[in-house]
Protein backbone atom coordinates (compact mmCIF):
# COMPACT_ATOMS: atom_id res chain seq x y z
CA MET A 1 -50.97 51.82 91.18
CA LEU A 2 -49.07 50.99 94.37
CA THR A 3 -46.39 53.30 95.73
CA ILE A 4 -44.31 52.99 98.91
CA ASP A 5 -43.18 56.23 100.54
CA PRO A 6 -41.11 57.21 103.59
CA PHE A 7 -42.92 58.10 106.81
CA THR A 8 -42.66 61.86 107.54
CA TYR A 9 -43.35 61.56 111.31
CA SER A 10 -45.98 64.27 110.98
CA ASP A 11 -49.13 64.11 113.09
CA ASP A 12 -51.10 63.30 109.92
CA ASP A 13 -48.88 60.33 109.10
CA TYR A 14 -49.08 59.10 112.69
CA ARG A 15 -52.86 59.38 112.74
CA THR A 16 -53.11 57.52 109.44
CA ALA A 17 -50.98 54.64 110.75
CA ILE A 18 -52.86 54.59 114.06
CA ALA A 19 -56.20 54.37 112.23
CA ILE A 20 -54.96 51.45 110.11
CA ASN A 21 -53.63 49.71 113.22
CA ALA A 22 -57.01 50.11 114.94
CA ALA A 23 -58.80 48.67 111.91
CA VAL A 24 -56.46 45.67 111.70
CA PHE A 25 -56.81 44.80 115.39
CA ASN A 26 -60.48 45.85 115.57
CA GLU A 27 -59.75 48.00 118.62
CA PRO A 28 -60.07 51.69 119.52
CA PRO A 29 -57.15 53.78 118.20
CA ASP A 30 -54.03 54.25 120.32
CA ALA A 31 -53.07 57.63 121.66
CA LEU A 32 -50.93 59.74 119.33
CA GLU A 33 -48.55 60.76 122.13
CA GLU A 34 -47.90 57.10 122.97
CA TRP A 35 -46.66 56.35 119.45
CA LYS A 36 -44.49 59.45 119.47
CA HIS A 37 -43.00 58.52 122.82
CA ASP A 38 -42.18 55.01 121.64
CA ASP A 39 -40.34 56.38 118.62
CA GLN A 40 -38.50 59.06 120.59
CA THR A 41 -37.19 56.55 123.14
CA ARG A 42 -36.08 53.78 120.77
CA ASN A 43 -32.47 52.70 121.03
CA PRO A 44 -30.82 54.04 117.85
CA GLU A 45 -28.46 51.06 117.78
CA TYR A 46 -31.39 48.98 116.52
CA PRO A 47 -32.72 50.43 113.22
CA PHE A 48 -36.45 51.12 112.96
CA PHE A 49 -38.34 52.87 110.19
CA TYR A 50 -41.86 53.19 108.82
CA ASN A 51 -43.23 53.39 105.30
CA LEU A 52 -46.67 54.18 103.96
CA VAL A 53 -48.23 52.20 101.10
CA ARG A 54 -50.54 54.10 98.75
CA ARG A 55 -52.84 52.94 96.01
CA ASP A 56 -53.60 55.76 93.59
CA GLY A 57 -52.69 58.27 96.27
CA THR A 58 -54.72 56.76 99.12
CA VAL A 59 -52.81 55.27 102.07
CA ILE A 60 -53.88 51.64 102.43
CA ALA A 61 -51.11 50.22 104.64
CA TYR A 62 -48.11 51.05 106.76
CA ILE A 63 -44.90 49.09 107.25
CA GLU A 64 -42.57 48.71 110.22
CA THR A 65 -39.06 47.46 109.39
CA PHE A 66 -36.63 47.02 112.26
CA GLN A 67 -34.16 44.98 114.27
CA ASN A 68 -35.78 43.82 117.48
CA GLN A 69 -33.48 44.25 120.47
CA TYR A 70 -35.62 41.83 122.50
CA ALA A 71 -35.30 39.04 119.91
CA TYR A 72 -32.03 40.11 118.34
CA HIS A 73 -29.96 38.55 115.59
CA PRO A 74 -27.46 40.71 113.64
CA GLN A 75 -28.48 39.20 110.31
CA LYS A 76 -32.24 39.21 110.81
CA TYR A 77 -34.68 42.07 110.35
CA GLU A 78 -38.39 42.15 111.00
CA CYS A 79 -40.96 43.59 108.62
CA ARG A 80 -44.56 43.96 109.76
CA MET A 81 -47.16 44.84 107.15
CA PHE A 82 -50.42 46.35 108.37
CA VAL A 83 -52.95 46.53 105.54
CA HIS A 84 -56.30 48.21 106.11
CA PRO A 85 -58.98 45.48 105.89
CA ASP A 86 -61.04 47.61 103.49
CA HIS A 87 -58.12 47.78 101.05
CA ASP A 88 -56.51 44.36 101.41
CA ALA A 89 -55.60 42.68 98.13
CA PRO A 90 -53.23 39.94 96.90
CA ASP A 91 -50.76 42.38 95.32
CA VAL A 92 -50.01 44.48 98.43
CA ARG A 93 -47.74 42.24 100.52
CA PRO A 94 -45.65 40.89 97.60
CA ALA A 95 -44.93 44.48 96.58
CA VAL A 96 -43.96 45.34 100.16
CA LEU A 97 -41.72 42.27 100.45
CA ALA A 98 -39.87 43.14 97.23
CA TYR A 99 -39.45 46.75 98.38
CA VAL A 100 -38.15 45.85 101.84
CA LEU A 101 -35.70 43.23 100.57
CA ASP A 102 -34.36 45.78 98.11
CA GLN A 103 -33.96 48.35 100.90
CA LEU A 104 -32.06 45.80 103.02
CA ARG A 105 -29.96 44.32 100.21
CA ASP A 106 -26.68 45.51 101.78
CA LYS A 107 -27.41 44.05 105.26
CA ASP A 108 -26.17 40.50 104.60
CA LEU A 109 -29.46 39.08 105.87
CA ILE A 110 -30.06 35.41 106.45
CA ALA A 111 -33.76 35.76 107.33
CA LEU A 112 -36.68 38.17 107.41
CA LYS A 113 -39.24 37.95 110.21
CA SER A 114 -42.85 39.09 110.19
CA GLY A 115 -46.21 38.35 111.77
CA MET A 116 -49.95 38.95 111.70
CA LEU A 117 -53.20 37.95 113.37
CA ASP A 118 -54.29 34.46 112.40
CA ASP A 119 -57.76 35.67 111.41
CA LYS A 120 -56.33 37.59 108.42
CA PRO A 121 -56.54 35.03 105.59
CA GLU A 122 -54.82 37.24 102.99
CA ALA A 123 -51.77 37.62 105.24
CA MET A 124 -51.65 33.93 106.18
CA ARG A 125 -51.90 32.95 102.51
CA PHE A 126 -49.09 35.34 101.64
CA PHE A 127 -46.81 33.87 104.30
CA ASP A 128 -47.47 30.32 103.09
CA GLU A 129 -46.93 31.18 99.42
CA HIS A 130 -43.72 33.17 99.99
CA GLY A 131 -41.80 30.78 102.19
CA PHE A 132 -42.47 32.18 105.66
CA LYS A 133 -42.50 29.49 108.36
CA ARG A 134 -44.33 29.81 111.67
CA VAL A 135 -41.90 30.09 114.59
CA ALA A 136 -44.01 31.28 117.52
CA GLU A 137 -47.46 32.47 118.55
CA GLU A 138 -48.62 35.29 120.79
CA LYS A 139 -51.92 34.59 122.51
CA ILE A 140 -54.17 37.64 122.81
CA SER A 141 -56.98 37.50 125.35
CA LYS A 142 -59.67 39.80 126.69
CA LEU A 143 -61.47 40.03 130.04
CA ASP A 144 -64.96 41.43 130.56
CA VAL A 145 -64.20 43.38 133.73
CA THR A 146 -67.87 43.94 134.55
CA ARG A 147 -68.36 40.19 135.09
CA PHE A 148 -65.25 39.56 137.20
CA ASP A 149 -65.95 38.49 140.79
CA SER A 150 -62.82 39.38 142.76
CA ALA A 151 -64.32 37.98 146.00
CA ARG A 152 -63.60 34.48 144.68
CA TYR A 153 -59.89 35.18 145.02
CA GLU A 154 -59.86 36.37 148.63
CA PRO A 155 -58.32 33.05 149.79
CA VAL A 156 -55.46 33.54 147.34
CA LEU A 157 -54.91 37.13 148.46
CA ALA A 158 -54.98 36.03 152.10
CA ARG A 159 -52.45 33.25 151.45
CA VAL A 160 -50.10 35.69 149.76
CA ARG A 161 -50.37 38.15 152.66
CA GLU A 162 -49.82 35.41 155.21
CA GLY A 163 -46.69 34.44 153.32
CA GLY A 164 -45.24 37.86 154.08
CA ILE A 165 -45.84 39.37 150.65
CA GLU A 166 -47.10 42.95 150.41
CA ILE A 167 -48.55 44.35 147.18
CA VAL A 168 -48.26 48.09 146.60
CA THR A 169 -48.69 50.52 143.72
CA LEU A 170 -45.81 52.31 142.08
CA ARG A 171 -47.15 55.57 143.49
CA ASP A 172 -46.92 54.15 147.02
CA LEU A 173 -43.46 52.81 146.32
CA GLN A 174 -42.17 56.20 145.21
CA GLN A 175 -43.17 57.68 148.57
CA ARG A 176 -41.53 55.03 150.76
CA ASP A 177 -38.36 53.90 148.99
CA SER A 178 -35.84 56.41 147.64
CA GLY A 179 -34.11 53.65 145.67
CA TRP A 180 -37.24 52.42 143.90
CA GLN A 181 -36.07 53.15 140.35
CA ARG A 182 -32.94 51.00 140.47
CA LYS A 183 -34.73 48.20 142.32
CA LEU A 184 -37.64 48.16 139.87
CA TYR A 185 -35.22 48.17 136.94
CA ASP A 186 -33.35 45.20 138.44
CA LEU A 187 -36.61 43.31 138.93
CA ASP A 188 -37.80 44.03 135.38
CA ILE A 189 -34.53 43.06 133.72
CA THR A 190 -34.07 39.93 135.86
CA VAL A 191 -37.52 38.41 135.41
CA ASN A 192 -37.75 39.30 131.71
CA ARG A 193 -34.92 36.88 131.00
CA ASP A 194 -37.40 34.04 131.48
CA ILE A 195 -39.96 35.32 128.98
CA PRO A 196 -39.88 33.20 125.77
CA THR A 197 -38.38 34.81 122.68
CA THR A 198 -37.15 33.81 119.21
CA GLY A 199 -33.76 35.51 119.44
CA GLU A 200 -31.13 36.99 121.72
CA LYS A 201 -32.38 39.64 124.16
CA HIS A 202 -30.54 42.94 124.54
CA TYR A 203 -31.76 44.86 127.57
CA PRO A 204 -31.83 48.66 127.81
CA GLU A 205 -29.49 50.55 130.09
CA PHE A 206 -31.01 52.05 133.22
CA GLU A 207 -31.47 55.55 131.79
CA ASP A 208 -33.07 54.20 128.59
CA TRP A 209 -35.36 51.95 130.61
CA CYS A 210 -36.53 54.90 132.72
CA ALA A 211 -37.23 56.98 129.63
CA ARG A 212 -39.11 54.15 127.94
CA TRP A 213 -41.35 53.12 130.83
CA LEU A 214 -41.43 55.82 133.47
CA GLU A 215 -41.79 58.74 131.06
CA ASP A 216 -44.38 56.99 128.91
CA PRO A 217 -47.54 59.14 128.61
CA ASN A 218 -49.52 56.02 129.52
CA CYS A 219 -47.45 55.19 132.62
CA ASP A 220 -50.07 54.70 135.32
CA LEU A 221 -48.59 54.98 138.80
CA ASP A 222 -51.77 53.53 140.34
CA GLY A 223 -52.06 50.69 137.82
CA TRP A 224 -48.51 49.37 138.23
CA PHE A 225 -48.37 46.88 141.11
CA ILE A 226 -45.25 45.51 142.79
CA ALA A 227 -44.98 42.61 145.24
CA LEU A 228 -42.54 43.08 148.14
CA ASP A 229 -41.01 40.61 150.56
CA ASP A 230 -39.64 42.63 153.46
CA GLY A 231 -38.67 45.40 151.02
CA HIS A 232 -37.29 43.02 148.36
CA TYR A 233 -38.94 43.50 144.95
CA VAL A 234 -40.13 40.03 143.93
CA ALA A 235 -42.85 40.46 141.27
CA GLN A 236 -44.73 43.05 139.25
CA SER A 237 -47.67 43.60 136.95
CA ARG A 238 -48.24 46.85 135.10
CA GLY A 239 -51.27 48.16 133.31
CA SER A 240 -52.31 51.31 131.50
CA ILE A 241 -55.61 52.91 130.61
CA ASN A 242 -56.41 54.11 127.10
CA ALA A 243 -58.63 57.00 128.18
CA GLU A 244 -59.15 58.08 124.58
CA SER A 245 -60.94 54.86 123.65
CA GLU A 246 -64.68 54.37 123.86
CA PRO A 247 -65.35 52.39 125.90
CA VAL A 248 -62.27 52.98 128.04
CA GLN A 249 -59.80 50.11 127.68
CA PHE A 250 -57.11 48.83 130.00
CA THR A 251 -54.09 46.91 128.74
CA THR A 252 -51.91 44.84 131.03
CA GLY A 253 -48.25 44.51 130.22
CA VAL A 254 -45.83 42.02 131.61
CA THR A 255 -46.66 40.15 134.84
CA THR A 256 -43.52 38.48 136.12
CA THR A 257 -42.22 36.86 139.31
CA ARG A 258 -38.69 36.00 140.42
CA ARG A 259 -38.07 32.27 140.08
CA GLU A 260 -37.70 31.61 143.78
CA TYR A 261 -41.14 33.16 144.48
CA ARG A 262 -43.20 31.28 141.91
CA ARG A 263 -46.03 28.84 142.68
CA ARG A 264 -47.13 30.93 145.66
CA GLY A 265 -50.11 32.72 144.10
CA ILE A 266 -48.28 36.05 143.78
CA ALA A 267 -48.95 36.48 140.05
CA THR A 268 -52.65 35.73 140.60
CA ALA A 269 -52.79 38.26 143.43
CA LEU A 270 -51.16 40.91 141.26
CA LYS A 271 -53.65 40.24 138.47
CA VAL A 272 -56.57 40.54 140.88
CA HIS A 273 -55.25 43.88 142.13
CA ILE A 274 -55.02 45.15 138.57
CA ILE A 275 -58.53 43.96 137.69
CA ARG A 276 -59.96 45.58 140.83
CA TYR A 277 -58.23 48.82 139.92
CA ALA A 278 -59.69 48.65 136.41
CA GLN A 279 -63.16 48.04 137.85
CA ALA A 280 -62.82 51.07 140.11
CA ARG A 281 -61.89 53.19 137.09
CA GLY A 282 -64.95 52.13 135.12
CA VAL A 283 -63.01 50.01 132.64
CA GLN A 284 -65.08 47.41 130.77
CA GLU A 285 -62.39 45.36 129.02
CA ILE A 286 -58.78 44.37 129.65
CA PHE A 287 -56.52 43.11 126.87
CA THR A 288 -53.27 41.24 127.33
CA THR A 289 -50.85 39.07 125.34
CA ASN A 290 -48.70 36.05 126.19
CA ASP A 291 -46.39 33.76 124.31
CA SER A 292 -48.21 30.48 123.73
CA THR A 293 -45.58 28.66 125.83
CA ASN A 294 -45.85 31.09 128.76
CA PRO A 295 -47.78 29.65 131.76
CA MET A 296 -49.19 33.14 132.34
CA TYR A 297 -51.59 32.53 129.44
CA GLN A 298 -53.26 29.66 131.31
CA LEU A 299 -53.45 31.84 134.42
CA ASN A 300 -55.24 34.51 132.42
CA LEU A 301 -57.72 31.98 131.09
CA SER A 302 -58.41 30.77 134.64
CA LEU A 303 -59.21 34.37 135.61
CA GLY A 304 -61.82 34.60 132.86
CA PHE A 305 -59.85 36.05 129.96
CA GLU A 306 -61.22 34.87 126.63
CA PRO A 307 -59.01 34.02 123.62
CA GLN A 308 -58.92 36.45 120.71
CA PRO A 309 -57.21 36.02 117.32
CA SER A 310 -53.55 35.15 117.93
CA TRP A 311 -50.50 36.97 116.61
CA VAL A 312 -48.48 34.46 114.57
CA ARG A 313 -44.74 35.12 114.24
CA VAL A 314 -43.15 33.88 111.03
CA GLU A 315 -39.68 33.81 109.46
CA LYS A 316 -38.46 33.53 105.88
CA ALA A 317 -35.00 32.07 105.26
CA LEU A 318 -33.02 34.10 102.71
CA VAL A 319 -30.07 31.70 102.38
CA GLU A 320 -29.79 27.93 102.17
């Protein structure tokens, strides 16, 4: 018998969801404190809630239902269903869909969004059979750090330096520029406008942005690199180490460059700095994601990143 229960936000519930997430993505589990931080710093204007799915008392899946402020539409919610591979079955997702639509029946929805890795046949079959259409694709890729030869990119690094661009860590920046927080916020908000999305973006206020990124337990001051042009913040690439994983993993977040500074090798130079840092820390693998239409994906492939199963974003129309 399937039951769907509220998430209690206890450590046990978090650990259960984290374990399911690790099994779905076939990766080491995330840090508990990272999940807690994400939930504590969410903007309450955009609803977000979890549920746990049990079969005969055993948790077999967790659900995230929310409005995404970075792909926002007032009449669209997103529901992500993470089913443990050992307990996946045809009846799980239809039951979740019926439950979620019932919970959102007073929201005047016109569509429900979801997504899953394309190597999960049960999920892909469910989407096809229940009217979800593919709208976008997130490319996931992985780099074997131990095989990366950074010496090959010395000409690129030299060209960037000769162009007057200096690359520093966030730790260095904090010690030399008292206004670094506002300038980094401006850079992040400005360049993120060019990242592909399937809805309207709503950006966090300065204080919320600081809480989300700078107070994150995984914020790595030595793994966040910023490119400067005579003190002007022109590009960035941030990464974080999952020290609890075995082997240790390093995930890179957004790598972005102001429009007027593109095609100068700056993004490549930032990536090389991050990979060198990961090598120095004994990291073996780096994971990253890119929208399929983002040129950064091709850059990652040129650096030696190898494609992994992609995250497919889908949408189900609820009105004609």
